[in-house]
């Protein structure tokens, strides 16, 4: 098992690194050239700034039993198809039971935003958000390690 992080817009990179180090799990962070990221523990892969470049590299490195951290429903769906586990920055574990609805919701929301030229604002992340993610992420990792 390894952890792969869609690192460009991931607000929980530090938490994921901390937990990975505690459980001695290899971690790969994929980012594009516009983002700075350094860590002695993680393998960091830097890709060009093309559409979905980081996503493609992430999925190409994903194997059965890996954990993928992403807020992109499309990437999560591809991870699930490779029998990996996917979780977002809020602790939502993507499953075969919820991914279709999430993808449909994303599509509908995109259509509405284009039609009405409205864009949603993402609320500022709180300490409680980070704590909730860490608790759910730890629980996920422990269950995958049989703890």
C-alpha atoms as a PDB file:
ATOM      1  CA  UNK A   1       0.000   0.000   0.000  1.00  0.00           C
ATOM      2  CA  UNK A   2       1.070   3.528  -0.767  1.00  0.00           C
ATOM      3  CA  UNK A   3      -0.631   6.899  -0.509  1.00  0.00           C
ATOM      4  CA  UNK A   4      -0.954   9.068  -3.607  1.00  0.00           C
ATOM      5  CA  UNK A   5      -1.875  12.727  -3.247  1.00  0.00           C
ATOM      6  CA  UNK A   6      -3.355  15.006  -5.896  1.00  0.00           C
ATOM      7  CA  UNK A   7      -1.202  17.716  -4.351  1.00  0.00           C
ATOM      8  CA  UNK A   8      -1.897  20.849  -6.403  1.00  0.00           C
ATOM      9  CA  UNK A   9      -4.898  22.059  -4.421  1.00  0.00           C
ATOM     10  CA  UNK A  10      -4.766  19.665  -1.478  1.00  0.00           C
ATOM     11  CA  UNK A  11      -5.193  21.520   1.840  1.00  0.00           C
ATOM     12  CA  UNK A  12      -4.341  18.456   3.966  1.00  0.00           C
ATOM     13  CA  UNK A  13      -0.874  17.551   2.623  1.00  0.00           C
ATOM     14  CA  UNK A  14       0.775  18.100   6.026  1.00  0.00           C
ATOM     15  CA  UNK A  15      -1.742  15.855   7.788  1.00  0.00           C
ATOM     16  CA  UNK A  16      -1.337  13.115   5.183  1.00  0.00           C
ATOM     17  CA  UNK A  17       2.459  13.313   5.499  1.00  0.00           C
ATOM     18  CA  UNK A  18       2.283  13.119   9.295  1.00  0.00           C
ATOM     19  CA  UNK A  19       0.055  10.030   9.260  1.00  0.00           C
ATOM     20  CA  UNK A  20       2.060   8.340   6.479  1.00  0.00           C
ATOM     21  CA  UNK A  21       5.268   8.799   8.472  1.00  0.00           C
ATOM     22  CA  UNK A  22       3.673   7.455  11.666  1.00  0.00           C
ATOM     23  CA  UNK A  23       2.573   4.256   9.919  1.00  0.00           C
ATOM     24  CA  UNK A  24       5.653   4.073   7.665  1.00  0.00           C
ATOM     25  CA  UNK A  25       3.546   4.131   4.487  1.00  0.00           C
ATOM     26  CA  UNK A  26       5.187   5.307   1.265  1.00  0.00           C
ATOM     27  CA  UNK A  27       3.672   8.485  -0.137  1.00  0.00           C
ATOM     28  CA  UNK A  28       3.752  10.011  -3.609  1.00  0.00           C
ATOM     29  CA  UNK A  29       2.662  13.603  -4.129  1.00  0.00           C
ATOM     30  CA  UNK A  30       1.916  14.685  -7.676  1.00  0.00           C
ATOM     31  CA  UNK A  31       1.951  18.398  -8.491  1.00  0.00           C
ATOM     32  CA  UNK A  32       2.432  20.621 -11.493  1.00  0.00           C
ATOM     33  CA  UNK A  33       5.377  22.969 -12.035  1.00  0.00           C
ATOM     34  CA  UNK A  34       3.437  25.976 -10.677  1.00  0.00           C
ATOM     35  CA  UNK A  35       3.446  24.637  -7.108  1.00  0.00           C
ATOM     36  CA  UNK A  36       6.342  24.455  -4.665  1.00  0.00           C
ATOM     37  CA  UNK A  37       6.495  21.352  -2.521  1.00  0.00           C
ATOM     38  CA  UNK A  38       9.436  19.767  -0.708  1.00  0.00           C
ATOM     39  CA  UNK A  39       9.601  16.895   1.733  1.00  0.00           C
ATOM     40  CA  UNK A  40      12.350  14.443   2.680  1.00  0.00           C
ATOM     41  CA  UNK A  41       9.905  11.557   3.239  1.00  0.00           C
ATOM     42  CA  UNK A  42       7.566  11.802   0.253  1.00  0.00           C
ATOM     43  CA  UNK A  43       8.359  11.081  -3.353  1.00  0.00           C
ATOM     44  CA  UNK A  44       7.342  14.223  -5.222  1.00  0.00           C
ATOM     45  CA  UNK A  45       6.530  14.018  -8.902  1.00  0.00           C
ATOM     46  CA  UNK A  46       6.360  17.291 -10.813  1.00  0.00           C
ATOM     47  CA  UNK A  47       4.471  17.403 -14.121  1.00  0.00           C
ATOM     48  CA  UNK A  48       3.950  20.037 -16.791  1.00  0.00           C
ATOM     49  CA  UNK A  49       1.102  22.491 -16.432  1.00  0.00           C
ATOM     50  CA  UNK A  50      -1.300  20.800 -18.843  1.00  0.00           C
ATOM     51  CA  UNK A  51      -4.943  19.994 -18.260  1.00  0.00           C
ATOM     52  CA  UNK A  52      -5.239  16.850 -16.112  1.00  0.00           C
ATOM     53  CA  UNK A  53      -1.494  16.110 -16.315  1.00  0.00           C
ATOM     54  CA  UNK A  54      -1.156  15.495 -12.566  1.00  0.00           C
ATOM     55  CA  UNK A  55      -4.334  13.400 -12.577  1.00  0.00           C
ATOM     56  CA  UNK A  56      -3.031  11.136 -15.351  1.00  0.00           C
ATOM     57  CA  UNK A  57       0.297  10.572 -13.601  1.00  0.00           C
ATOM     58  CA  UNK A  58      -1.483   9.903 -10.294  1.00  0.00           C
ATOM     59  CA  UNK A  59      -3.774   7.273 -11.823  1.00  0.00           C
ATOM     60  CA  UNK A  60      -0.924   5.674 -13.782  1.00  0.00           C
ATOM     61  CA  UNK A  61       0.898   5.163 -10.462  1.00  0.00           C
ATOM     62  CA  UNK A  62      -2.165   3.828  -8.606  1.00  0.00           C
ATOM     63  CA  UNK A  63      -2.457   0.130  -7.848  1.00  0.00           C
ATOM     64  CA  UNK A  64      -4.935  -2.150  -6.095  1.00  0.00           C
ATOM     65  CA  UNK A  65      -4.935  -1.403  -2.353  1.00  0.00           C
ATOM     66  CA  UNK A  66      -3.463   2.102  -2.583  1.00  0.00           C
ATOM     67  CA  UNK A  67      -5.010   5.191  -0.991  1.00  0.00           C
ATOM     68  CA  UNK A  68      -5.686   8.224  -3.192  1.00  0.00           C
ATOM     69  CA  UNK A  69      -6.278  11.686  -1.708  1.00  0.00           C
ATOM     70  CA  UNK A  70      -8.211  13.860  -4.168  1.00  0.00           C
ATOM     71  CA  UNK A  71     -11.095  16.274  -4.308  1.00  0.00           C
ATOM     72  CA  UNK A  72     -11.654  15.451  -7.993  1.00  0.00           C
ATOM     73  CA  UNK A  73     -14.573  13.043  -8.452  1.00  0.00           C
ATOM     74  CA  UNK A  74     -13.224  11.930 -11.832  1.00  0.00           C
ATOM     75  CA  UNK A  75      -9.864  10.971 -10.325  1.00  0.00           C
ATOM     76  CA  UNK A  76     -11.689   9.198  -7.484  1.00  0.00           C
ATOM     77  CA  UNK A  77     -13.760   7.201  -9.993  1.00  0.00           C
ATOM     78  CA  UNK A  78     -10.606   6.123 -11.839  1.00  0.00           C
ATOM     79  CA  UNK A  79      -8.935   5.175  -8.530  1.00  0.00           C
ATOM     80  CA  UNK A  80     -11.940   3.050  -7.595  1.00  0.00           C
ATOM     81  CA  UNK A  81     -11.767   1.308 -10.972  1.00  0.00           C
ATOM     82  CA  UNK A  82      -8.197   0.292 -10.067  1.00  0.00           C
ATOM     83  CA  UNK A  83      -9.452  -1.074  -6.725  1.00  0.00           C
ATOM     84  CA  UNK A  84      -7.778   1.690  -4.737  1.00  0.00           C
ATOM     85  CA  UNK A  85      -9.432   3.564  -1.889  1.00  0.00           C
ATOM     86  CA  UNK A  86     -10.113   7.266  -2.445  1.00  0.00           C
ATOM     87  CA  UNK A  87     -10.847   9.960   0.131  1.00  0.00           C
ATOM     88  CA  UNK A  88     -11.255  13.724  -0.164  1.00  0.00           C
ATOM     89  CA  UNK A  89      -9.899  16.566   1.989  1.00  0.00           C
ATOM     90  CA  UNK A  90     -13.069  16.550   4.093  1.00  0.00           C
ATOM     91  CA  UNK A  91     -12.873  12.847   4.956  1.00  0.00           C
ATOM     92  CA  UNK A  92     -15.465  11.653   2.430  1.00  0.00           C
ATOM     93  CA  UNK A  93     -14.512   8.152   1.343  1.00  0.00           C
ATOM     94  CA  UNK A  94     -15.525   7.619  -2.266  1.00  0.00           C
ATOM     95  CA  UNK A  95     -17.181   4.267  -2.892  1.00  0.00           C
ATOM     96  CA  UNK A  96     -18.762   2.402  -5.775  1.00  0.00           C
ATOM     97  CA  UNK A  97     -22.072   3.203  -4.099  1.00  0.00           C
ATOM     98  CA  UNK A  98     -21.655   7.009  -4.019  1.00  0.00           C
ATOM     99  CA  UNK A  99     -19.405   7.873  -6.980  1.00  0.00           C
ATOM    100  CA  UNK A 100     -22.108   7.869  -9.680  1.00  0.00           C
ATOM    101  CA  UNK A 101     -24.250  10.332  -7.749  1.00  0.00           C
ATOM    102  CA  UNK A 102     -21.234  12.555  -7.053  1.00  0.00           C
ATOM    103  CA  UNK A 103     -20.239  12.578 -10.733  1.00  0.00           C
ATOM    104  CA  UNK A 104     -23.804  13.418 -11.772  1.00  0.00           C
ATOM    105  CA  UNK A 105     -23.993  16.207  -9.194  1.00  0.00           C
ATOM    106  CA  UNK A 106     -20.703  17.631 -10.488  1.00  0.00           C
ATOM    107  CA  UNK A 107     -22.009  17.571 -14.056  1.00  0.00           C
ATOM    108  CA  UNK A 108     -25.313  19.232 -13.115  1.00  0.00           C
ATOM    109  CA  UNK A 109     -23.540  21.909 -11.069  1.00  0.00           C
ATOM    110  CA  UNK A 110     -21.161  22.650 -13.954  1.00  0.00           C
ATOM    111  CA  UNK A 111     -24.106  23.066 -16.317  1.00  0.00           C
ATOM    112  CA  UNK A 112     -25.894  25.399 -13.886  1.00  0.00           C
ATOM    113  CA  UNK A 113     -22.783  27.518 -13.358  1.00  0.00           C
ATOM    114  CA  UNK A 114     -22.290  27.910 -17.114  1.00  0.00           C
ATOM    115  CA  UNK A 115     -25.946  28.665 -17.724  1.00  0.00           C
ATOM    116  CA  UNK A 116     -26.305  31.215 -14.925  1.00  0.00           C
ATOM    117  CA  UNK A 117     -22.678  32.412 -14.908  1.00  0.00           C
ATOM    118  CA  UNK A 118     -22.539  31.876 -11.154  1.00  0.00           C
ATOM    119  CA  UNK A 119     -19.604  30.501  -9.274  1.00  0.00           C
ATOM    120  CA  UNK A 120     -19.596  29.123  -5.776  1.00  0.00           C
ATOM    121  CA  UNK A 121     -17.197  30.290  -3.132  1.00  0.00           C
ATOM    122  CA  UNK A 122     -15.485  27.651  -1.061  1.00  0.00           C
ATOM    123  CA  UNK A 123     -15.638  28.486   2.648  1.00  0.00           C
ATOM    124  CA  UNK A 124     -12.313  29.018   4.409  1.00  0.00           C
ATOM    125  CA  UNK A 125     -10.915  25.816   5.895  1.00  0.00           C
ATOM    126  CA  UNK A 126     -11.044  25.588   9.690  1.00  0.00           C
ATOM    127  CA  UNK A 127      -9.067  23.707  12.335  1.00  0.00           C
ATOM    128  CA  UNK A 128     -12.187  21.592  12.888  1.00  0.00           C
ATOM    129  CA  UNK A 129     -12.159  20.616   9.185  1.00  0.00           C
ATOM    130  CA  UNK A 130      -8.548  19.464   9.528  1.00  0.00           C
ATOM    131  CA  UNK A 131      -9.277  17.539  12.736  1.00  0.00           C
ATOM    132  CA  UNK A 132     -12.283  15.818  11.141  1.00  0.00           C
ATOM    133  CA  UNK A 133     -10.186  14.825   8.102  1.00  0.00           C
ATOM    134  CA  UNK A 134      -7.321  13.520  10.240  1.00  0.00           C
ATOM    135  CA  UNK A 135      -9.670  11.399  12.367  1.00  0.00           C
ATOM    136  CA  UNK A 136     -11.346   9.851   9.311  1.00  0.00           C
ATOM    137  CA  UNK A 137      -8.046   9.381   7.479  1.00  0.00           C
ATOM    138  CA  UNK A 138      -6.447   7.648  10.481  1.00  0.00           C
ATOM    139  CA  UNK A 139      -9.477   5.373  10.831  1.00  0.00           C
ATOM    140  CA  UNK A 140      -9.234   4.488   7.124  1.00  0.00           C
ATOM    141  CA  UNK A 141      -5.494   3.747   7.317  1.00  0.00           C
ATOM    142  CA  UNK A 142      -5.895   1.630  10.451  1.00  0.00           C
ATOM    143  CA  UNK A 143      -8.676  -0.404   8.842  1.00  0.00           C
ATOM    144  CA  UNK A 144      -6.552  -1.002   5.740  1.00  0.00           C
ATOM    145  CA  UNK A 145      -3.628  -2.121   7.927  1.00  0.00           C
ATOM    146  CA  UNK A 146      -5.916  -4.453   9.899  1.00  0.00           C
ATOM    147  CA  UNK A 147      -5.530  -2.509  13.150  1.00  0.00           C
END
